[in-house]
Amino acid sequence: MSPVFIILALVTFMAAAAAMTLRHLVHCALAMAVSFVGLAAIYLQLNAQFVGFAQVLVYVGAVAILIVFAILLTRSGEVSNDSIVAPGWVWGVGMAVVIFAVIGWAVLNSPGLPVEAAEAPEVTVRQIGNDLMTRYVVPLEVVGCLLTAALIGAVVIALRDREGEP
């Protein structure tokens, strides 16, 4: 394993642990976005360019931002004096470490791990992009409309809540 991979894995793991343990939803959503970016960087380092770019576009660029907007539009304006960390953060971190260790042990001891390196795929990112913009343009537009409808729904919910306030 290279040092870059280890650093990316640690950043991704720490961001995911922060998303589990922080108290405020906005902080959790931002930590989740950082973990998505870490995953995308790992994919790019493993020469899976399409998966890495799709991770950035779909999860970081759409899902994480949609979650942040929905939280910001629907939450109340109250400021709490509570701790930034949730009360059960020790249990959350402990469970994350245990699950990470079990999954890591299972992967490393799996008999299905390939001994030789796999062949490079023949499909390029350009071919996938061409297919998305020609053959699969309708599903792509449907997903875009669905995300737009979800954002509009969050705005409508936020406006209904604000109308009842003095």
C-alpha atoms as a PDB file:
ATOM      1  CA  MET A   1       0.000   0.000   0.000  1.00  0.00           C
ATOM      2  CA  SER A   2       1.272   3.431  -0.888  1.00  0.00           C
ATOM      3  CA  PRO A   3       1.491   6.308   1.594  1.00  0.00           C
ATOM      4  CA  VAL A   4      -1.009   8.308  -0.477  1.00  0.00           C
ATOM      5  CA  PHE A   5      -3.576   5.517  -0.170  1.00  0.00           C
ATOM      6  CA  ILE A   6      -3.024   5.291   3.591  1.00  0.00           C
ATOM      7  CA  ILE A   7      -3.478   9.052   4.002  1.00  0.00           C
ATOM      8  CA  LEU A   8      -6.642   9.040   1.864  1.00  0.00           C
ATOM      9  CA  ALA A   9      -8.027   6.073   3.782  1.00  0.00           C
ATOM     10  CA  LEU A  10      -7.375   7.781   7.120  1.00  0.00           C
ATOM     11  CA  VAL A  11      -8.994  11.035   5.980  1.00  0.00           C
ATOM     12  CA  THR A  12     -12.012   9.153   4.642  1.00  0.00           C
ATOM     13  CA  PHE A  13     -12.303   7.079   7.820  1.00  0.00           C
ATOM     14  CA  MET A  14     -11.977  10.108  10.102  1.00  0.00           C
ATOM     15  CA  ALA A  15     -14.588  12.045   8.102  1.00  0.00           C
ATOM     16  CA  ALA A  16     -16.998   9.109   8.249  1.00  0.00           C
ATOM     17  CA  ALA A  17     -16.415   8.787  11.997  1.00  0.00           C
ATOM     18  CA  ALA A  18     -17.040  12.530  12.387  1.00  0.00           C
ATOM     19  CA  ALA A  19     -20.281  12.194  10.415  1.00  0.00           C
ATOM     20  CA  MET A  20     -21.403   9.569  12.924  1.00  0.00           C
ATOM     21  CA  THR A  21     -20.353  11.336  16.102  1.00  0.00           C
ATOM     22  CA  LEU A  22     -21.059  15.038  15.598  1.00  0.00           C
ATOM     23  CA  ARG A  23     -24.263  16.458  17.054  1.00  0.00           C
ATOM     24  CA  HIS A  24     -25.272  19.129  14.538  1.00  0.00           C
ATOM     25  CA  LEU A  25     -26.737  17.928  11.260  1.00  0.00           C
ATOM     26  CA  VAL A  26     -24.875  20.491   9.153  1.00  0.00           C
ATOM     27  CA  HIS A  27     -21.539  19.355  10.574  1.00  0.00           C
ATOM     28  CA  CYS A  28     -22.486  15.729   9.931  1.00  0.00           C
ATOM     29  CA  ALA A  29     -23.454  16.493   6.334  1.00  0.00           C
ATOM     30  CA  LEU A  30     -20.209  18.352   5.685  1.00  0.00           C
ATOM     31  CA  ALA A  31     -18.177  15.510   7.206  1.00  0.00           C
ATOM     32  CA  MET A  32     -20.075  13.090   4.980  1.00  0.00           C
ATOM     33  CA  ALA A  33     -19.187  15.229   1.949  1.00  0.00           C
ATOM     34  CA  VAL A  34     -15.507  15.051   2.959  1.00  0.00           C
ATOM     35  CA  SER A  35     -15.753  11.262   3.178  1.00  0.00           C
ATOM     36  CA  PHE A  36     -17.318  11.198  -0.307  1.00  0.00           C
ATOM     37  CA  VAL A  37     -14.402  13.269  -1.628  1.00  0.00           C
ATOM     38  CA  GLY A  38     -11.960  10.880   0.051  1.00  0.00           C
ATOM     39  CA  LEU A  39     -13.644   7.926  -1.633  1.00  0.00           C
ATOM     40  CA  ALA A  40     -13.450   9.692  -4.988  1.00  0.00           C
ATOM     41  CA  ALA A  41      -9.726  10.330  -4.471  1.00  0.00           C
ATOM     42  CA  ILE A  42      -9.195   6.653  -3.648  1.00  0.00           C
ATOM     43  CA  TYR A  43     -11.035   5.662  -6.824  1.00  0.00           C
ATOM     44  CA  LEU A  44      -8.913   8.045  -8.871  1.00  0.00           C
ATOM     45  CA  GLN A  45      -5.735   6.675  -7.329  1.00  0.00           C
ATOM     46  CA  LEU A  46      -6.841   3.149  -8.262  1.00  0.00           C
ATOM     47  CA  ASN A  47      -7.241   4.267 -11.923  1.00  0.00           C
ATOM     48  CA  ALA A  48     -11.028   4.037 -11.845  1.00  0.00           C
ATOM     49  CA  GLN A  49     -11.512   7.477 -13.369  1.00  0.00           C
ATOM     50  CA  PHE A  50     -15.176   7.135 -14.266  1.00  0.00           C
ATOM     51  CA  VAL A  51     -16.166   5.908 -10.815  1.00  0.00           C
ATOM     52  CA  GLY A  52     -14.120   8.670  -9.177  1.00  0.00           C
ATOM     53  CA  PHE A  53     -15.621  11.410 -11.343  1.00  0.00           C
ATOM     54  CA  ALA A  54     -19.118   9.967 -10.888  1.00  0.00           C
ATOM     55  CA  GLN A  55     -18.527   9.977  -7.120  1.00  0.00           C
ATOM     56  CA  VAL A  56     -17.617  13.666  -7.249  1.00  0.00           C
ATOM     57  CA  LEU A  57     -20.471  14.651  -9.569  1.00  0.00           C
ATOM     58  CA  VAL A  58     -23.271  12.562  -8.089  1.00  0.00           C
ATOM     59  CA  TYR A  59     -22.473  12.256  -4.399  1.00  0.00           C
ATOM     60  CA  VAL A  60     -20.431  15.363  -3.642  1.00  0.00           C
ATOM     61  CA  GLY A  61     -21.954  17.641  -6.251  1.00  0.00           C
ATOM     62  CA  ALA A  62     -25.560  16.604  -5.933  1.00  0.00           C
ATOM     63  CA  VAL A  63     -26.466  14.437  -2.971  1.00  0.00           C
ATOM     64  CA  ALA A  64     -24.272  16.087  -0.315  1.00  0.00           C
ATOM     65  CA  ILE A  65     -25.192  19.605  -1.430  1.00  0.00           C
ATOM     66  CA  LEU A  66     -28.876  18.634  -1.551  1.00  0.00           C
ATOM     67  CA  ILE A  67     -28.644  17.307   2.011  1.00  0.00           C
ATOM     68  CA  VAL A  68     -26.923  20.477   3.219  1.00  0.00           C
ATOM     69  CA  PHE A  69     -29.560  22.685   1.528  1.00  0.00           C
ATOM     70  CA  ALA A  70     -32.406  20.590   2.929  1.00  0.00           C
ATOM     71  CA  ILE A  71     -30.981  20.810   6.446  1.00  0.00           C
ATOM     72  CA  LEU A  72     -30.345  24.533   6.204  1.00  0.00           C
ATOM     73  CA  LEU A  73     -33.801  25.252   4.786  1.00  0.00           C
ATOM     74  CA  THR A  74     -35.794  23.114   7.219  1.00  0.00           C
ATOM     75  CA  ARG A  75     -34.045  23.633  10.536  1.00  0.00           C
ATOM     76  CA  SER A  76     -35.090  26.203  13.072  1.00  0.00           C
ATOM     77  CA  GLY A  77     -33.049  29.279  13.877  1.00  0.00           C
ATOM     78  CA  GLU A  78     -32.390  28.233  17.473  1.00  0.00           C
ATOM     79  CA  VAL A  79     -28.808  28.210  18.661  1.00  0.00           C
ATOM     80  CA  SER A  80     -28.067  25.434  21.122  1.00  0.00           C
ATOM     81  CA  ASN A  81     -25.384  25.552  23.761  1.00  0.00           C
ATOM     82  CA  ASP A  82     -24.918  21.786  23.722  1.00  0.00           C
ATOM     83  CA  SER A  83     -21.617  20.103  23.038  1.00  0.00           C
ATOM     84  CA  ILE A  84     -20.606  19.745  19.395  1.00  0.00           C
ATOM     85  CA  VAL A  85     -20.184  15.998  19.884  1.00  0.00           C
ATOM     86  CA  ALA A  86     -23.148  13.685  20.443  1.00  0.00           C
ATOM     87  CA  PRO A  87     -23.365  12.055  23.883  1.00  0.00           C
ATOM     88  CA  GLY A  88     -22.806   8.522  22.539  1.00  0.00           C
ATOM     89  CA  TRP A  89     -19.753   9.396  20.452  1.00  0.00           C
ATOM     90  CA  VAL A  90     -17.569   6.818  22.189  1.00  0.00           C
ATOM     91  CA  TRP A  91     -19.964   4.042  21.181  1.00  0.00           C
ATOM     92  CA  GLY A  92     -20.095   5.342  17.619  1.00  0.00           C
ATOM     93  CA  VAL A  93     -16.325   5.472  17.262  1.00  0.00           C
ATOM     94  CA  GLY A  94     -15.991   2.060  18.913  1.00  0.00           C
ATOM     95  CA  MET A  95     -18.507   0.487  16.563  1.00  0.00           C
ATOM     96  CA  ALA A  96     -16.819   2.111  13.551  1.00  0.00           C
ATOM     97  CA  VAL A  97     -13.444   0.704  14.579  1.00  0.00           C
ATOM     98  CA  VAL A  98     -14.877  -2.768  15.178  1.00  0.00           C
ATOM     99  CA  ILE A  99     -16.749  -2.823  11.864  1.00  0.00           C
ATOM    100  CA  PHE A 100     -13.700  -1.485  10.012  1.00  0.00           C
ATOM    101  CA  ALA A 101     -11.517  -4.172  11.600  1.00  0.00           C
ATOM    102  CA  VAL A 102     -13.956  -6.990  10.778  1.00  0.00           C
ATOM    103  CA  ILE A 103     -14.374  -5.876   7.170  1.00  0.00           C
ATOM    104  CA  GLY A 104     -10.609  -5.382   6.795  1.00  0.00           C
ATOM    105  CA  TRP A 105      -9.912  -8.846   8.230  1.00  0.00           C
ATOM    106  CA  ALA A 106     -12.513 -10.420   5.924  1.00  0.00           C
ATOM    107  CA  VAL A 107     -11.075  -8.716   2.850  1.00  0.00           C
ATOM    108  CA  LEU A 108      -7.468  -9.543   3.663  1.00  0.00           C
ATOM    109  CA  ASN A 109      -8.244 -13.197   4.456  1.00  0.00           C
ATOM    110  CA  SER A 110     -10.583 -13.727   1.514  1.00  0.00           C
ATOM    111  CA  PRO A 111      -9.649 -16.615  -0.779  1.00  0.00           C
ATOM    112  CA  GLY A 112     -11.153 -14.676  -3.680  1.00  0.00           C
ATOM    113  CA  LEU A 113      -8.384 -12.067  -3.790  1.00  0.00           C
ATOM    114  CA  PRO A 114      -6.644 -12.160  -7.183  1.00  0.00           C
ATOM    115  CA  VAL A 115      -2.992 -13.107  -7.187  1.00  0.00           C
ATOM    116  CA  GLU A 116      -2.152 -11.338 -10.442  1.00  0.00           C
ATOM    117  CA  ALA A 117      -3.140  -7.858 -11.481  1.00  0.00           C
ATOM    118  CA  ALA A 118      -6.291  -7.659 -13.538  1.00  0.00           C
ATOM    119  CA  GLU A 119      -6.243  -6.554 -17.155  1.00  0.00           C
ATOM    120  CA  ALA A 120      -6.983  -2.921 -17.897  1.00  0.00           C
ATOM    121  CA  PRO A 121     -10.559  -2.441 -19.104  1.00  0.00           C
ATOM    122  CA  GLU A 122     -11.152  -1.598 -22.722  1.00  0.00           C
ATOM    123  CA  VAL A 123     -13.867   0.955 -21.931  1.00  0.00           C
ATOM    124  CA  THR A 124     -12.684   4.539 -21.512  1.00  0.00           C
ATOM    125  CA  VAL A 125     -14.267   7.474 -19.762  1.00  0.00           C
ATOM    126  CA  ARG A 126     -14.922   9.083 -23.147  1.00  0.00           C
ATOM    127  CA  GLN A 127     -16.929   6.030 -24.299  1.00  0.00           C
ATOM    128  CA  ILE A 128     -18.962   6.048 -21.090  1.00  0.00           C
ATOM    129  CA  GLY A 129     -19.620   9.784 -21.489  1.00  0.00           C
ATOM    130  CA  ASN A 130     -20.730   9.286 -25.083  1.00  0.00           C
ATOM    131  CA  ASP A 131     -23.110   6.521 -24.003  1.00  0.00           C
ATOM    132  CA  LEU A 132     -24.532   8.687 -21.217  1.00  0.00           C
ATOM    133  CA  MET A 133     -25.179  11.571 -23.593  1.00  0.00           C
ATOM    134  CA  THR A 134     -26.642   9.441 -26.409  1.00  0.00           C
ATOM    135  CA  ARG A 135     -28.096   6.119 -25.277  1.00  0.00           C
ATOM    136  CA  TYR A 136     -28.854   6.915 -21.622  1.00  0.00           C
ATOM    137  CA  VAL A 137     -29.784  10.596 -21.843  1.00  0.00           C
ATOM    138  CA  VAL A 138     -33.380  10.019 -20.646  1.00  0.00           C
ATOM    139  CA  PRO A 139     -32.416   8.295 -17.346  1.00  0.00           C
ATOM    140  CA  LEU A 140     -29.803  11.007 -16.796  1.00  0.00           C
ATOM    141  CA  GLU A 141     -32.426  13.730 -17.217  1.00  0.00           C
ATOM    142  CA  VAL A 142     -34.881  11.866 -14.959  1.00  0.00           C
ATOM    143  CA  VAL A 143     -32.295  11.787 -12.163  1.00  0.00           C
ATOM    144  CA  GLY A 144     -31.664  15.514 -12.654  1.00  0.00           C
ATOM    145  CA  CYS A 145     -35.397  16.251 -12.439  1.00  0.00           C
ATOM    146  CA  LEU A 146     -35.737  14.083  -9.329  1.00  0.00           C
ATOM    147  CA  LEU A 147     -32.953  15.972  -7.537  1.00  0.00           C
ATOM    148  CA  THR A 148     -34.466  19.303  -8.586  1.00  0.00           C
ATOM    149  CA  ALA A 149     -37.878  18.234  -7.299  1.00  0.00           C
ATOM    150  CA  ALA A 150     -36.341  17.220  -3.972  1.00  0.00           C
ATOM    151  CA  LEU A 151     -34.698  20.639  -3.604  1.00  0.00           C
ATOM    152  CA  ILE A 152     -37.944  22.429  -4.502  1.00  0.00           C
ATOM    153  CA  GLY A 153     -39.764  20.262  -1.941  1.00  0.00           C
ATOM    154  CA  ALA A 154     -37.285  21.310   0.746  1.00  0.00           C
ATOM    155  CA  VAL A 155     -37.876  24.983  -0.118  1.00  0.00           C
ATOM    156  CA  VAL A 156     -41.667  24.511   0.030  1.00  0.00           C
ATOM    157  CA  ILE A 157     -41.433  22.807   3.428  1.00  0.00           C
ATOM    158  CA  ALA A 158     -39.204  25.595   4.701  1.00  0.00           C
ATOM    159  CA  LEU A 159     -41.640  28.278   3.457  1.00  0.00           C
ATOM    160  CA  ARG A 160     -44.612  26.584   5.156  1.00  0.00           C
ATOM    161  CA  ASP A 161     -42.744  26.513   8.470  1.00  0.00           C
ATOM    162  CA  ARG A 162     -41.755  30.164   8.194  1.00  0.00           C
ATOM    163  CA  GLU A 163     -45.309  31.375   7.429  1.00  0.00           C
ATOM    164  CA  GLY A 164     -46.534  30.321  10.879  1.00  0.00           C
ATOM    165  CA  GLU A 165     -43.709  32.142  12.695  1.00  0.00           C
ATOM    166  CA  PRO A 166     -44.273  35.694  13.973  1.00  0.00           C
END
